[in-house]
Amino acid sequence: MATQTVEGSSRSGSRRTSVGN
């Protein structure tokens, strides 16, 4: 799951996804 969080954050450019998760 960590890989998806990092990829989503980098692609979306939103750190909220990482914090929310």
PDB file of N, CA and C in Angstrom:
ATOM      1  N   MET A   1       0.847  -1.211   0.000  1.00  0.00           N
ATOM      2  CA  MET A   1       0.000   0.000   0.000  1.00  0.00           C
ATOM      3  C   MET A   1       0.885   1.264   0.000  1.00  0.00           C
ATOM      4  N   ALA A   2       2.050   1.148   0.538  1.00  0.00           N
ATOM      5  CA  ALA A   2       2.947   2.318   0.581  1.00  0.00           C
ATOM      6  C   ALA A   2       3.306   2.765  -0.836  1.00  0.00           C
ATOM      7  N   THR A   3       3.499   1.796  -1.716  1.00  0.00           N
ATOM      8  CA  THR A   3       3.867   2.167  -3.103  1.00  0.00           C
ATOM      9  C   THR A   3       2.750   2.973  -3.742  1.00  0.00           C
ATOM     10  N   GLN A   4       1.535   2.557  -3.524  1.00  0.00           N
ATOM     11  CA  GLN A   4       0.412   3.277  -4.151  1.00  0.00           C
ATOM     12  C   GLN A   4       0.314   4.692  -3.562  1.00  0.00           C
ATOM     13  N   THR A   5       0.478   4.811  -2.286  1.00  0.00           N
ATOM     14  CA  THR A   5       0.383   6.140  -1.651  1.00  0.00           C
ATOM     15  C   THR A   5       1.443   7.081  -2.235  1.00  0.00           C
ATOM     16  N   VAL A   6       2.643   6.588  -2.357  1.00  0.00           N
ATOM     17  CA  VAL A   6       3.738   7.425  -2.885  1.00  0.00           C
ATOM     18  C   VAL A   6       3.452   7.789  -4.341  1.00  0.00           C
ATOM     19  N   GLU A   7       3.028   6.821  -5.103  1.00  0.00           N
ATOM     20  CA  GLU A   7       2.748   7.095  -6.536  1.00  0.00           C
ATOM     21  C   GLU A   7       1.587   8.086  -6.656  1.00  0.00           C
ATOM     22  N   GLY A   8       0.540   7.867  -5.947  1.00  0.00           N
ATOM     23  CA  GLY A   8      -0.628   8.767  -6.016  1.00  0.00           C
ATOM     24  C   GLY A   8      -0.232  10.176  -5.587  1.00  0.00           C
ATOM     25  N   SER A   9       0.546  10.266  -4.545  1.00  0.00           N
ATOM     26  CA  SER A   9       0.965  11.593  -4.054  1.00  0.00           C
ATOM     27  C   SER A   9       1.807  12.301  -5.126  1.00  0.00           C
ATOM     28  N   SER A  10       2.714  11.572  -5.721  1.00  0.00           N
ATOM     29  CA  SER A  10       3.610  12.176  -6.742  1.00  0.00           C
ATOM     30  C   SER A  10       2.794  12.558  -7.980  1.00  0.00           C
ATOM     31  N   ARG A  11       1.872  11.721  -8.337  1.00  0.00           N
ATOM     32  CA  ARG A  11       1.066  11.976  -9.588  1.00  0.00           C
ATOM     33  C   ARG A  11       0.041  13.049  -9.285  1.00  0.00           C
ATOM     34  N   SER A  12      -0.625  12.949  -8.214  1.00  0.00           N
ATOM     35  CA  SER A  12      -1.671  13.944  -7.895  1.00  0.00           C
ATOM     36  C   SER A  12      -1.006  15.220  -7.357  1.00  0.00           C
ATOM     37  N   GLY A  13       0.153  15.072  -6.778  1.00  0.00           N
ATOM     38  CA  GLY A  13       0.840  16.244  -6.230  1.00  0.00           C
ATOM     39  C   GLY A  13       0.130  16.739  -4.979  1.00  0.00           C
ATOM     40  N   SER A  14      -0.617  15.846  -4.340  1.00  0.00           N
ATOM     41  CA  SER A  14      -1.339  16.261  -3.112  1.00  0.00           C
ATOM     42  C   SER A  14      -0.794  15.492  -1.910  1.00  0.00           C
ATOM     43  N   ARG A  15      -0.386  16.179  -0.915  1.00  0.00           N
ATOM     44  CA  ARG A  15       0.149  15.456   0.270  1.00  0.00           C
ATOM     45  C   ARG A  15      -1.016  15.039   1.158  1.00  0.00           C
ATOM     46  N   ARG A  16      -2.192  15.521   0.895  1.00  0.00           N
ATOM     47  CA  ARG A  16      -3.367  15.163   1.755  1.00  0.00           C
ATOM     48  C   ARG A  16      -3.607  13.646   1.655  1.00  0.00           C
ATOM     49  N   THR A  17      -3.389  13.074   0.480  1.00  0.00           N
ATOM     50  CA  THR A  17      -3.640  11.615   0.330  1.00  0.00           C
ATOM     51  C   THR A  17      -2.743  10.833   1.301  1.00  0.00           C
ATOM     52  N   SER A  18      -1.496  11.266   1.400  1.00  0.00           N
ATOM     53  CA  SER A  18      -0.550  10.547   2.275  1.00  0.00           C
ATOM     54  C   SER A  18      -0.964  10.734   3.739  1.00  0.00           C
ATOM     55  N   VAL A  19      -1.330  11.941   4.095  1.00  0.00           N
ATOM     56  CA  VAL A  19      -1.710  12.218   5.490  1.00  0.00           C
ATOM     57  C   VAL A  19      -3.026  11.511   5.825  1.00  0.00           C
ATOM     58  N   GLY A  20      -3.966  11.577   4.907  1.00  0.00           N
ATOM     59  CA  GLY A  20      -5.276  10.935   5.147  1.00  0.00           C
ATOM     60  C   GLY A  20      -5.106   9.445   5.348  1.00  0.00           C
ATOM     61  N   ASN A  21      -4.234   8.842   4.531  1.00  0.00           N
ATOM     62  CA  ASN A  21      -4.043   7.393   4.636  1.00  0.00           C
ATOM     63  C   ASN A  21      -3.216   7.101   5.865  1.00  0.00           C
TER      64      ASN A  21
END
